[in-house]
């Protein structure tokens, strides 16, 4: 029975990866945003989960409500944290993001001298 369950789980993972492969080649703004967010969210999520779980424990919520709240609030705070991190020049290298370049630098205008 355990072997059957293990095979079932492997097939489920293979199916999920197969469906994901269909959309792998589709490049877009959402994919670029989420790709850049992976490492900062990974760094933030454990701390956020521990603090939230500790804060929710005294409320004695039902397990389903507590876990759903924990998942939703963790995702929201991780993405909010990523937004803060990506806008702060000094935080970017600490979370594995490349240094921010000046995209909108003022153009240099040379004065021509009359001869």
PDB file of N, CA and C in Angstrom:
ATOM      1  N   UNK A   1       0.816  -1.193   0.000  1.00  0.00           N
ATOM      2  CA  UNK A   1       0.000   0.000   0.000  1.00  0.00           C
ATOM      3  C   UNK A   1       0.868   1.270   0.000  1.00  0.00           C
ATOM      4  N   UNK A   2       1.977   1.238   0.733  1.00  0.00           N
ATOM      5  CA  UNK A   2       2.867   2.398   0.765  1.00  0.00           C
ATOM      6  C   UNK A   2       3.496   2.651  -0.596  1.00  0.00           C
ATOM      7  N   UNK A   3       3.825   1.577  -1.297  1.00  0.00           N
ATOM      8  CA  UNK A   3       4.426   1.719  -2.623  1.00  0.00           C
ATOM      9  C   UNK A   3       3.425   2.370  -3.571  1.00  0.00           C
ATOM     10  N   UNK A   4       2.172   1.947  -3.503  1.00  0.00           N
ATOM     11  CA  UNK A   4       1.137   2.521  -4.352  1.00  0.00           C
ATOM     12  C   UNK A   4       0.960   4.016  -4.063  1.00  0.00           C
ATOM     13  N   UNK A   5       0.978   4.375  -2.788  1.00  0.00           N
ATOM     14  CA  UNK A   5       0.841   5.781  -2.408  1.00  0.00           C
ATOM     15  C   UNK A   5       2.039   6.584  -2.924  1.00  0.00           C
ATOM     16  N   UNK A   6       3.239   6.027  -2.805  1.00  0.00           N
ATOM     17  CA  UNK A   6       4.445   6.715  -3.273  1.00  0.00           C
ATOM     18  C   UNK A   6       4.406   6.918  -4.790  1.00  0.00           C
ATOM     19  N   UNK A   7       3.966   5.904  -5.525  1.00  0.00           N
ATOM     20  CA  UNK A   7       3.859   6.019  -6.980  1.00  0.00           C
ATOM     21  C   UNK A   7       2.825   7.083  -7.342  1.00  0.00           C
ATOM     22  N   UNK A   8       1.711   7.095  -6.615  1.00  0.00           N
ATOM     23  CA  UNK A   8       0.671   8.096  -6.851  1.00  0.00           C
ATOM     24  C   UNK A   8       1.218   9.506  -6.645  1.00  0.00           C
ATOM     25  N   UNK A   9       1.987   9.720  -5.596  1.00  0.00           N
ATOM     26  CA  UNK A   9       2.549  11.035  -5.317  1.00  0.00           C
ATOM     27  C   UNK A   9       3.563  11.445  -6.389  1.00  0.00           C
ATOM     28  N   UNK A  10       4.367  10.498  -6.839  1.00  0.00           N
ATOM     29  CA  UNK A  10       5.341  10.795  -7.902  1.00  0.00           C
ATOM     30  C   UNK A  10       4.628  11.162  -9.200  1.00  0.00           C
ATOM     31  N   UNK A  11       3.552  10.461  -9.506  1.00  0.00           N
ATOM     32  CA  UNK A  11       2.785  10.774 -10.716  1.00  0.00           C
ATOM     33  C   UNK A  11       2.126  12.150 -10.612  1.00  0.00           C
ATOM     34  N   UNK A  12       1.648  12.494  -9.430  1.00  0.00           N
ATOM     35  CA  UNK A  12       1.044  13.817  -9.235  1.00  0.00           C
ATOM     36  C   UNK A  12       2.082  14.916  -9.442  1.00  0.00           C
ATOM     37  N   UNK A  13       3.273  14.722  -8.911  1.00  0.00           N
ATOM     38  CA  UNK A  13       4.344  15.708  -9.086  1.00  0.00           C
ATOM     39  C   UNK A  13       4.733  15.814 -10.557  1.00  0.00           C
ATOM     40  N   UNK A  14       4.826  14.680 -11.241  1.00  0.00           N
ATOM     41  CA  UNK A  14       5.160  14.690 -12.665  1.00  0.00           C
ATOM     42  C   UNK A  14       4.088  15.417 -13.471  1.00  0.00           C
ATOM     43  N   UNK A  15       2.817  15.225 -13.114  1.00  0.00           N
ATOM     44  CA  UNK A  15       1.731  15.916 -13.815  1.00  0.00           C
ATOM     45  C   UNK A  15       1.805  17.424 -13.592  1.00  0.00           C
ATOM     46  N   UNK A  16       2.074  17.837 -12.368  1.00  0.00           N
ATOM     47  CA  UNK A  16       2.195  19.271 -12.068  1.00  0.00           C
ATOM     48  C   UNK A  16       3.354  19.881 -12.851  1.00  0.00           C
ATOM     49  N   UNK A  17       4.486  19.182 -12.886  1.00  0.00           N
ATOM     50  CA  UNK A  17       5.634  19.682 -13.643  1.00  0.00           C
ATOM     51  C   UNK A  17       5.337  19.732 -15.139  1.00  0.00           C
ATOM     52  N   UNK A  18       4.577  18.747 -15.631  1.00  0.00           N
ATOM     53  CA  UNK A  18       4.193  18.737 -17.040  1.00  0.00           C
ATOM     54  C   UNK A  18       3.314  19.924 -17.403  1.00  0.00           C
ATOM     55  N   UNK A  19       2.343  20.228 -16.547  1.00  0.00           N
ATOM     56  CA  UNK A  19       1.493  21.393 -16.791  1.00  0.00           C
ATOM     57  C   UNK A  19       2.297  22.684 -16.695  1.00  0.00           C
ATOM     58  N   UNK A  20       3.214  22.762 -15.759  1.00  0.00           N
ATOM     59  CA  UNK A  20       4.034  23.962 -15.603  1.00  0.00           C
ATOM     60  C   UNK A  20       4.949  24.159 -16.817  1.00  0.00           C
ATOM     61  N   UNK A  21       5.402  23.075 -17.419  1.00  0.00           N
ATOM     62  CA  UNK A  21       6.300  23.171 -18.571  1.00  0.00           C
ATOM     63  C   UNK A  21       5.616  23.854 -19.756  1.00  0.00           C
ATOM     64  N   UNK A  22       4.297  23.682 -19.856  1.00  0.00           N
ATOM     65  CA  UNK A  22       3.558  24.317 -20.952  1.00  0.00           C
ATOM     66  C   UNK A  22       3.713  25.830 -20.921  1.00  0.00           C
ATOM     67  N   UNK A  23       3.798  26.406 -19.734  1.00  0.00           N
ATOM     68  CA  UNK A  23       3.837  27.851 -19.592  1.00  0.00           C
ATOM     69  C   UNK A  23       5.245  28.384 -19.334  1.00  0.00           C
ATOM     70  N   UNK A  24       6.228  27.507 -19.319  1.00  0.00           N
ATOM     71  CA  UNK A  24       7.599  27.910 -19.022  1.00  0.00           C
ATOM     72  C   UNK A  24       8.156  28.869 -20.063  1.00  0.00           C
ATOM     73  N   UNK A  25       7.800  28.685 -21.300  1.00  0.00           N
ATOM     74  CA  UNK A  25       8.353  29.505 -22.372  1.00  0.00           C
ATOM     75  C   UNK A  25       7.633  30.838 -22.522  1.00  0.00           C
ATOM     76  N   UNK A  26       6.513  30.999 -21.857  1.00  0.00           N
ATOM     77  CA  UNK A  26       5.758  32.248 -21.960  1.00  0.00           C
ATOM     78  C   UNK A  26       6.380  33.278 -21.025  1.00  0.00           C
ATOM     79  N   UNK A  27       7.136  34.192 -21.603  1.00  0.00           N
ATOM     80  CA  UNK A  27       7.769  35.234 -20.797  1.00  0.00           C
ATOM     81  C   UNK A  27       6.802  36.403 -20.683  1.00  0.00           C
ATOM     82  N   UNK A  28       6.750  36.972 -19.507  1.00  0.00           N
ATOM     83  CA  UNK A  28       5.857  38.104 -19.299  1.00  0.00           C
ATOM     84  C   UNK A  28       6.282  38.887 -18.078  1.00  0.00           C
ATOM     85  N   UNK A  29       5.569  39.957 -17.823  1.00  0.00           N
ATOM     86  CA  UNK A  29       5.901  40.826 -16.694  1.00  0.00           C
ATOM     87  C   UNK A  29       5.742  40.096 -15.366  1.00  0.00           C
ATOM     88  N   UNK A  30       4.688  39.292 -15.241  1.00  0.00           N
ATOM     89  CA  UNK A  30       4.449  38.571 -13.981  1.00  0.00           C
ATOM     90  C   UNK A  30       5.569  37.571 -13.710  1.00  0.00           C
ATOM     91  N   UNK A  31       6.001  36.859 -14.744  1.00  0.00           N
ATOM     92  CA  UNK A  31       7.070  35.875 -14.570  1.00  0.00           C
ATOM     93  C   UNK A  31       8.383  36.555 -14.184  1.00  0.00           C
ATOM     94  N   UNK A  32       8.695  37.676 -14.803  1.00  0.00           N
ATOM     95  CA  UNK A  32       9.921  38.405 -14.461  1.00  0.00           C
ATOM     96  C   UNK A  32       9.859  38.934 -13.025  1.00  0.00           C
ATOM     97  N   UNK A  33       8.706  39.447 -12.620  1.00  0.00           N
ATOM     98  CA  UNK A  33       8.534  39.965 -11.261  1.00  0.00           C
ATOM     99  C   UNK A  33       8.705  38.846 -10.240  1.00  0.00           C
ATOM    100  N   UNK A  34       8.025  37.729 -10.463  1.00  0.00           N
ATOM    101  CA  UNK A  34       8.084  36.623  -9.508  1.00  0.00           C
ATOM    102  C   UNK A  34       9.457  35.962  -9.479  1.00  0.00           C
ATOM    103  N   UNK A  35      10.137  35.917 -10.614  1.00  0.00           N
ATOM    104  CA  UNK A  35      11.482  35.348 -10.645  1.00  0.00           C
ATOM    105  C   UNK A  35      12.433  36.170  -9.781  1.00  0.00           C
ATOM    106  N   UNK A  36      12.323  37.481  -9.873  1.00  0.00           N
ATOM    107  CA  UNK A  36      13.182  38.350  -9.060  1.00  0.00           C
ATOM    108  C   UNK A  36      12.817  38.266  -7.582  1.00  0.00           C
ATOM    109  N   UNK A  37      11.562  37.933  -7.277  1.00  0.00           N
ATOM    110  CA  UNK A  37      11.091  37.912  -5.885  1.00  0.00           C
ATOM    111  C   UNK A  37      11.420  36.617  -5.154  1.00  0.00           C
ATOM    112  N   UNK A  38      11.848  35.581  -5.849  1.00  0.00           N
ATOM    113  CA  UNK A  38      12.010  34.259  -5.231  1.00  0.00           C
ATOM    114  C   UNK A  38      12.938  34.291  -4.020  1.00  0.00           C
ATOM    115  N   UNK A  39      14.152  34.773  -4.175  1.00  0.00           N
ATOM    116  CA  UNK A  39      15.106  34.707  -3.066  1.00  0.00           C
ATOM    117  C   UNK A  39      14.729  35.614  -1.895  1.00  0.00           C
ATOM    118  N   UNK A  40      14.347  36.877  -2.131  1.00  0.00           N
ATOM    119  CA  UNK A  40      13.935  37.699  -0.987  1.00  0.00           C
ATOM    120  C   UNK A  40      12.738  37.116  -0.232  1.00  0.00           C
ATOM    121  N   UNK A  41      11.764  36.567  -0.947  1.00  0.00           N
ATOM    122  CA  UNK A  41      10.606  35.950  -0.286  1.00  0.00           C
ATOM    123  C   UNK A  41      11.048  34.721   0.499  1.00  0.00           C
ATOM    124  N   UNK A  42      11.964  33.951  -0.062  1.00  0.00           N
ATOM    125  CA  UNK A  42      12.487  32.777   0.640  1.00  0.00           C
ATOM    126  C   UNK A  42      13.161  33.185   1.949  1.00  0.00           C
ATOM    127  N   UNK A  43      13.933  34.261   1.909  1.00  0.00           N
ATOM    128  CA  UNK A  43      14.635  34.722   3.106  1.00  0.00           C
ATOM    129  C   UNK A  43      13.642  35.224   4.157  1.00  0.00           C
ATOM    130  N   UNK A  44      12.608  35.926   3.726  1.00  0.00           N
ATOM    131  CA  UNK A  44      11.651  36.529   4.656  1.00  0.00           C
ATOM    132  C   UNK A  44      10.640  35.546   5.244  1.00  0.00           C
ATOM    133  N   UNK A  45      10.251  34.515   4.495  1.00  0.00           N
ATOM    134  CA  UNK A  45       9.065  33.745   4.866  1.00  0.00           C
ATOM    135  C   UNK A  45       9.173  33.031   6.212  1.00  0.00           C
ATOM    136  N   UNK A  46      10.315  32.478   6.556  1.00  0.00           N
ATOM    137  CA  UNK A  46      10.396  31.724   7.807  1.00  0.00           C
ATOM    138  C   UNK A  46      10.215  32.636   9.019  1.00  0.00           C
ATOM    139  N   UNK A  47      10.855  33.775   8.996  1.00  0.00           N
ATOM    140  CA  UNK A  47      10.715  34.712  10.111  1.00  0.00           C
ATOM    141  C   UNK A  47       9.266  35.175  10.243  1.00  0.00           C
ATOM    142  N   UNK A  48       8.645  35.478   9.129  1.00  0.00           N
ATOM    143  CA  UNK A  48       7.250  35.930   9.157  1.00  0.00           C
ATOM    144  C   UNK A  48       6.337  34.825   9.675  1.00  0.00           C
ATOM    145  N   UNK A  49       6.545  33.587   9.235  1.00  0.00           N
ATOM    146  CA  UNK A  49       5.711  32.469   9.695  1.00  0.00           C
ATOM    147  C   UNK A  49       5.847  32.274  11.199  1.00  0.00           C
ATOM    148  N   UNK A  50       7.071  32.291  11.700  1.00  0.00           N
ATOM    149  CA  UNK A  50       7.289  32.063  13.137  1.00  0.00           C
ATOM    150  C   UNK A  50       6.630  33.164  13.966  1.00  0.00           C
ATOM    151  N   UNK A  51       6.814  34.418  13.568  1.00  0.00           N
ATOM    152  CA  UNK A  51       6.228  35.534  14.321  1.00  0.00           C
ATOM    153  C   UNK A  51       4.702  35.483  14.261  1.00  0.00           C
ATOM    154  N   UNK A  52       4.143  35.216  13.082  1.00  0.00           N
ATOM    155  CA  UNK A  52       2.684  35.144  12.958  1.00  0.00           C
ATOM    156  C   UNK A  52       2.098  33.972  13.737  1.00  0.00           C
ATOM    157  N   UNK A  53       2.726  32.814  13.640  1.00  0.00           N
ATOM    158  CA  UNK A  53       2.214  31.644  14.360  1.00  0.00           C
ATOM    159  C   UNK A  53       2.231  31.894  15.862  1.00  0.00           C
ATOM    160  N   UNK A  54       3.287  32.518  16.337  1.00  0.00           N
ATOM    161  CA  UNK A  54       3.370  32.842  17.763  1.00  0.00           C
ATOM    162  C   UNK A  54       2.288  33.857  18.154  1.00  0.00           C
ATOM    163  N   UNK A  55       2.004  34.795  17.267  1.00  0.00           N
ATOM    164  CA  UNK A  55       0.983  35.811  17.541  1.00  0.00           C
ATOM    165  C   UNK A  55      -0.432  35.247  17.471  1.00  0.00           C
ATOM    166  N   UNK A  56      -0.658  34.262  16.601  1.00  0.00           N
ATOM    167  CA  UNK A  56      -1.997  33.687  16.443  1.00  0.00           C
ATOM    168  C   UNK A  56      -2.329  32.645  17.506  1.00  0.00           C
ATOM    169  N   UNK A  57      -1.332  32.070  18.135  1.00  0.00           N
ATOM    170  CA  UNK A  57      -1.556  30.990  19.103  1.00  0.00           C
ATOM    171  C   UNK A  57      -2.501  31.382  20.240  1.00  0.00           C
ATOM    172  N   UNK A  58      -2.346  32.556  20.873  1.00  0.00           N
ATOM    173  CA  UNK A  58      -3.247  32.912  21.978  1.00  0.00           C
ATOM    174  C   UNK A  58      -4.711  33.084  21.554  1.00  0.00           C
ATOM    175  N   UNK A  59      -4.968  33.285  20.275  1.00  0.00           N
ATOM    176  CA  UNK A  59      -6.341  33.480  19.814  1.00  0.00           C
ATOM    177  C   UNK A  59      -7.145  32.186  19.802  1.00  0.00           C
ATOM    178  N   UNK A  60      -6.469  31.050  19.847  1.00  0.00           N
ATOM    179  CA  UNK A  60      -7.105  29.724  19.854  1.00  0.00           C
ATOM    180  C   UNK A  60      -8.119  29.574  18.715  1.00  0.00           C
ATOM    181  N   UNK A  61      -7.705  29.945  17.529  1.00  0.00           N
ATOM    182  CA  UNK A  61      -8.561  29.807  16.349  1.00  0.00           C
ATOM    183  C   UNK A  61      -8.657  28.341  15.945  1.00  0.00           C
ATOM    184  N   UNK A  62      -9.727  27.953  15.252  1.00  0.00           N
ATOM    185  CA  UNK A  62      -9.774  26.592  14.706  1.00  0.00           C
ATOM    186  C   UNK A  62      -8.587  26.372  13.761  1.00  0.00           C
ATOM    187  N   UNK A  63      -8.141  25.136  13.682  1.00  0.00           N
ATOM    188  CA  UNK A  63      -6.920  24.834  12.932  1.00  0.00           C
ATOM    189  C   UNK A  63      -7.013  25.273  11.472  1.00  0.00           C
ATOM    190  N   UNK A  64      -8.154  25.052  10.844  1.00  0.00           N
ATOM    191  CA  UNK A  64      -8.313  25.425   9.441  1.00  0.00           C
ATOM    192  C   UNK A  64      -8.230  26.946   9.263  1.00  0.00           C
ATOM    193  N   UNK A  65      -8.864  27.683  10.149  1.00  0.00           N
ATOM    194  CA  UNK A  65      -8.842  29.149  10.075  1.00  0.00           C
ATOM    195  C   UNK A  65      -7.432  29.673  10.346  1.00  0.00           C
ATOM    196  N   UNK A  66      -6.777  29.101  11.355  1.00  0.00           N
ATOM    197  CA  UNK A  66      -5.426  29.545  11.695  1.00  0.00           C
ATOM    198  C   UNK A  66      -4.454  29.286  10.550  1.00  0.00           C
ATOM    199  N   UNK A  67      -4.523  28.097   9.942  1.00  0.00           N
ATOM    200  CA  UNK A  67      -3.584  27.806   8.853  1.00  0.00           C
ATOM    201  C   UNK A  67      -3.880  28.641   7.618  1.00  0.00           C
ATOM    202  N   UNK A  68      -5.156  28.854   7.299  1.00  0.00           N
ATOM    203  CA  UNK A  68      -5.486  29.695   6.145  1.00  0.00           C
ATOM    204  C   UNK A  68      -5.027  31.135   6.382  1.00  0.00           C
ATOM    205  N   UNK A  69      -5.243  31.633   7.583  1.00  0.00           N
ATOM    206  CA  UNK A  69      -4.796  32.989   7.933  1.00  0.00           C
ATOM    207  C   UNK A  69      -3.279  33.089   7.838  1.00  0.00           C
ATOM    208  N   UNK A  70      -2.598  32.096   8.359  1.00  0.00           N
ATOM    209  CA  UNK A  70      -1.138  32.081   8.338  1.00  0.00           C
ATOM    210  C   UNK A  70      -0.606  32.099   6.907  1.00  0.00           C
ATOM    211  N   UNK A  71      -1.202  31.312   6.034  1.00  0.00           N
ATOM    212  CA  UNK A  71      -0.748  31.240   4.641  1.00  0.00           C
ATOM    213  C   UNK A  71      -0.989  32.560   3.915  1.00  0.00           C
ATOM    214  N   UNK A  72      -2.194  33.092   4.036  1.00  0.00           N
ATOM    215  CA  UNK A  72      -2.546  34.318   3.309  1.00  0.00           C
ATOM    216  C   UNK A  72      -1.741  35.517   3.815  1.00  0.00           C
ATOM    217  N   UNK A  73      -1.662  35.667   5.128  1.00  0.00           N
ATOM    218  CA  UNK A  73      -0.941  36.817   5.687  1.00  0.00           C
ATOM    219  C   UNK A  73       0.559  36.699   5.419  1.00  0.00           C
ATOM    220  N   UNK A  74       1.106  35.487   5.486  1.00  0.00           N
ATOM    221  CA  UNK A  74       2.526  35.296   5.180  1.00  0.00           C
ATOM    222  C   UNK A  74       2.824  35.675   3.735  1.00  0.00           C
ATOM    223  N   UNK A  75       1.990  35.220   2.804  1.00  0.00           N
ATOM    224  CA  UNK A  75       2.202  35.559   1.394  1.00  0.00           C
ATOM    225  C   UNK A  75       2.127  37.069   1.184  1.00  0.00           C
ATOM    226  N   UNK A  76       1.137  37.704   1.796  1.00  0.00           N
ATOM    227  CA  UNK A  76       0.979  39.156   1.636  1.00  0.00           C
ATOM    228  C   UNK A  76       2.166  39.918   2.228  1.00  0.00           C
ATOM    229  N   UNK A  77       2.601  39.524   3.417  1.00  0.00           N
ATOM    230  CA  UNK A  77       3.727  40.222   4.051  1.00  0.00           C
ATOM    231  C   UNK A  77       5.044  39.970   3.316  1.00  0.00           C
ATOM    232  N   UNK A  78       5.222  38.770   2.783  1.00  0.00           N
ATOM    233  CA  UNK A  78       6.443  38.483   2.017  1.00  0.00           C
ATOM    234  C   UNK A  78       6.504  39.344   0.758  1.00  0.00           C
ATOM    235  N   UNK A  79       5.387  39.454   0.042  1.00  0.00           N
ATOM    236  CA  UNK A  79       5.383  40.280  -1.162  1.00  0.00           C
ATOM    237  C   UNK A  79       5.506  41.763  -0.821  1.00  0.00           C
ATOM    238  N   UNK A  80       4.903  42.189   0.280  1.00  0.00           N
ATOM    239  CA  UNK A  80       5.064  43.582   0.715  1.00  0.00           C
ATOM    240  C   UNK A  80       6.518  43.847   1.108  1.00  0.00           C
ATOM    241  N   UNK A  81       7.127  42.885   1.793  1.00  0.00           N
ATOM    242  CA  UNK A  81       8.535  43.017   2.149  1.00  0.00           C
ATOM    243  C   UNK A  81       9.422  43.083   0.922  1.00  0.00           C
ATOM    244  N   UNK A  82       9.103  42.283  -0.095  1.00  0.00           N
ATOM    245  CA  UNK A  82       9.869  42.320  -1.337  1.00  0.00           C
ATOM    246  C   UNK A  82       9.754  43.692  -2.003  1.00  0.00           C
ATOM    247  N   UNK A  83       8.561  44.268  -1.975  1.00  0.00           N
ATOM    248  CA  UNK A  83       8.373  45.594  -2.566  1.00  0.00           C
ATOM    249  C   UNK A  83       9.227  46.644  -1.861  1.00  0.00           C
ATOM    250  N   UNK A  84       9.323  46.547  -0.546  1.00  0.00           N
ATOM    251  CA  UNK A  84      10.170  47.481   0.208  1.00  0.00           C
ATOM    252  C   UNK A  84      11.636  47.246  -0.133  1.00  0.00           C
ATOM    253  N   UNK A  85      12.042  45.979  -0.166  1.00  0.00           N
ATOM    254  CA  UNK A  85      13.443  45.626  -0.420  1.00  0.00           C
ATOM    255  C   UNK A  85      13.885  46.073  -1.804  1.00  0.00           C
ATOM    256  N   UNK A  86      13.062  45.867  -2.804  1.00  0.00           N
ATOM    257  CA  UNK A  86      13.491  46.189  -4.168  1.00  0.00           C
ATOM    258  C   UNK A  86      13.574  47.683  -4.428  1.00  0.00           C
ATOM    259  N   UNK A  87      12.959  48.497  -3.576  1.00  0.00           N
ATOM    260  CA  UNK A  87      13.005  49.948  -3.750  1.00  0.00           C
ATOM    261  C   UNK A  87      14.118  50.617  -2.946  1.00  0.00           C
ATOM    262  N   UNK A  88      14.733  49.901  -2.041  1.00  0.00           N
ATOM    263  CA  UNK A  88      15.792  50.462  -1.196  1.00  0.00           C
ATOM    264  C   UNK A  88      17.156  50.012  -1.712  1.00  0.00           C
ATOM    265  N   UNK A  89      17.964  50.946  -2.138  1.00  0.00           N
ATOM    266  CA  UNK A  89      19.283  50.612  -2.703  1.00  0.00           C
ATOM    267  C   UNK A  89      20.143  49.800  -1.743  1.00  0.00           C
ATOM    268  N   UNK A  90      20.155  50.148  -0.478  1.00  0.00           N
ATOM    269  CA  UNK A  90      21.046  49.490   0.475  1.00  0.00           C
ATOM    270  C   UNK A  90      20.543  48.105   0.882  1.00  0.00           C
ATOM    271  N   UNK A  91      19.250  47.815   0.737  1.00  0.00           N
ATOM    272  CA  UNK A  91      18.724  46.493   1.087  1.00  0.00           C
ATOM    273  C   UNK A  91      18.872  45.476  -0.043  1.00  0.00           C
ATOM    274  N   UNK A  92      18.914  45.940  -1.263  1.00  0.00           N
ATOM    275  CA  UNK A  92      18.944  45.033  -2.415  1.00  0.00           C
ATOM    276  C   UNK A  92      20.073  43.998  -2.337  1.00  0.00           C
ATOM    277  N   UNK A  93      21.325  44.393  -2.104  1.00  0.00           N
ATOM    278  CA  UNK A  93      22.389  43.383  -2.048  1.00  0.00           C
ATOM    279  C   UNK A  93      22.241  42.418  -0.868  1.00  0.00           C
ATOM    280  N   UNK A  94      21.629  42.871   0.221  1.00  0.00           N
ATOM    281  CA  UNK A  94      21.461  42.002   1.387  1.00  0.00           C
ATOM    282  C   UNK A  94      20.485  40.863   1.126  1.00  0.00           C
ATOM    283  N   UNK A  95      19.611  41.030   0.145  1.00  0.00           N
ATOM    284  CA  UNK A  95      18.625  40.014  -0.186  1.00  0.00           C
ATOM    285  C   UNK A  95      18.866  39.403  -1.560  1.00  0.00           C
ATOM    286  N   UNK A  96      20.077  39.537  -2.067  1.00  0.00           N
ATOM    287  CA  UNK A  96      20.457  38.865  -3.302  1.00  0.00           C
ATOM    288  C   UNK A  96      19.977  39.515  -4.577  1.00  0.00           C
ATOM    289  N   UNK A  97      19.546  40.750  -4.519  1.00  0.00           N
ATOM    290  CA  UNK A  97      19.114  41.450  -5.727  1.00  0.00           C
ATOM    291  C   UNK A  97      20.275  42.266  -6.283  1.00  0.00           C
ATOM    292  N   UNK A  98      20.328  42.434  -7.594  1.00  0.00           N
ATOM    293  CA  UNK A  98      21.410  43.241  -8.160  1.00  0.00           C
ATOM    294  C   UNK A  98      21.264  44.703  -7.754  1.00  0.00           C
ATOM    295  N   UNK A  99      22.377  45.405  -7.781  1.00  0.00           N
ATOM    296  CA  UNK A  99      22.363  46.827  -7.431  1.00  0.00           C
ATOM    297  C   UNK A  99      21.465  47.586  -8.397  1.00  0.00           C
ATOM    298  N   UNK A 100      20.780  48.579  -7.869  1.00  0.00           N
ATOM    299  CA  UNK A 100      19.860  49.369  -8.675  1.00  0.00           C
ATOM    300  C   UNK A 100      20.652  50.322  -9.553  1.00  0.00           C
ATOM    301  N   UNK A 101      20.280  50.396 -10.805  1.00  0.00           N
ATOM    302  CA  UNK A 101      20.925  51.335 -11.722  1.00  0.00           C
ATOM    303  C   UNK A 101      20.039  52.561 -11.858  1.00  0.00           C
ATOM    304  N   UNK A 102      20.646  53.633 -12.248  1.00  0.00           N
ATOM    305  CA  UNK A 102      19.866  54.856 -12.458  1.00  0.00           C
ATOM    306  C   UNK A 102      19.264  54.797 -13.861  1.00  0.00           C
ATOM    307  N   UNK A 103      18.007  54.397 -13.919  1.00  0.00           N
ATOM    308  CA  UNK A 103      17.352  54.245 -15.212  1.00  0.00           C
ATOM    309  C   UNK A 103      16.962  55.590 -15.828  1.00  0.00           C
ATOM    310  N   UNK A 104      16.636  56.523 -14.974  1.00  0.00           N
ATOM    311  CA  UNK A 104      16.125  57.790 -15.477  1.00  0.00           C
ATOM    312  C   UNK A 104      17.096  58.928 -15.168  1.00  0.00           C
ATOM    313  N   UNK A 105      18.331  58.718 -15.505  1.00  0.00           N
ATOM    314  CA  UNK A 105      19.334  59.763 -15.271  1.00  0.00           C
ATOM    315  C   UNK A 105      19.082  60.918 -16.238  1.00  0.00           C
ATOM    316  N   UNK A 106      19.365  62.098 -15.779  1.00  0.00           N
ATOM    317  CA  UNK A 106      19.165  63.276 -16.626  1.00  0.00           C
ATOM    318  C   UNK A 106      20.161  63.250 -17.782  1.00  0.00           C
ATOM    319  N   UNK A 107      19.709  63.578 -18.969  1.00  0.00           N
ATOM    320  CA  UNK A 107      20.631  63.574 -20.106  1.00  0.00           C
ATOM    321  C   UNK A 107      21.659  64.695 -19.982  1.00  0.00           C
ATOM    322  N   UNK A 108      22.827  64.417 -20.483  1.00  0.00           N
ATOM    323  CA  UNK A 108      23.905  65.411 -20.461  1.00  0.00           C
ATOM    324  C   UNK A 108      23.797  66.246 -21.728  1.00  0.00           C
ATOM    325  N   UNK A 109      23.671  67.552 -21.545  1.00  0.00           N
ATOM    326  CA  UNK A 109      23.551  68.458 -22.690  1.00  0.00           C
ATOM    327  C   UNK A 109      24.820  69.297 -22.757  1.00  0.00           C
ATOM    328  N   UNK A 110      25.491  69.196 -23.875  1.00  0.00           N
ATOM    329  CA  UNK A 110      26.728  69.958 -24.061  1.00  0.00           C
ATOM    330  C   UNK A 110      26.402  71.281 -24.734  1.00  0.00           C
ATOM    331  N   UNK A 111      26.991  72.328 -24.213  1.00  0.00           N
ATOM    332  CA  UNK A 111      26.840  73.637 -24.849  1.00  0.00           C
ATOM    333  C   UNK A 111      27.879  73.761 -25.943  1.00  0.00           C
ATOM    334  N   UNK A 112      27.403  74.177 -27.065  1.00  0.00           N
ATOM    335  CA  UNK A 112      28.341  74.397 -28.159  1.00  0.00           C
ATOM    336  C   UNK A 112      28.825  75.841 -28.095  1.00  0.00           C
ATOM    337  N   UNK A 113      30.096  75.994 -28.279  1.00  0.00           N
ATOM    338  CA  UNK A 113      30.667  77.347 -28.259  1.00  0.00           C
ATOM    339  C   UNK A 113      30.700  77.899 -29.675  1.00  0.00           C
ATOM    340  N   UNK A 114      30.403  79.164 -29.788  1.00  0.00           N
ATOM    341  CA  UNK A 114      30.423  79.808 -31.108  1.00  0.00           C
ATOM    342  C   UNK A 114      31.867  80.068 -31.520  1.00  0.00           C
ATOM    343  N   UNK A 115      32.202  79.744 -32.720  1.00  0.00           N
ATOM    344  CA  UNK A 115      33.558  79.987 -33.214  1.00  0.00           C
ATOM    345  C   UNK A 115      33.576  80.969 -34.335  1.00  0.00           C
TER     346      UNK A 115
END
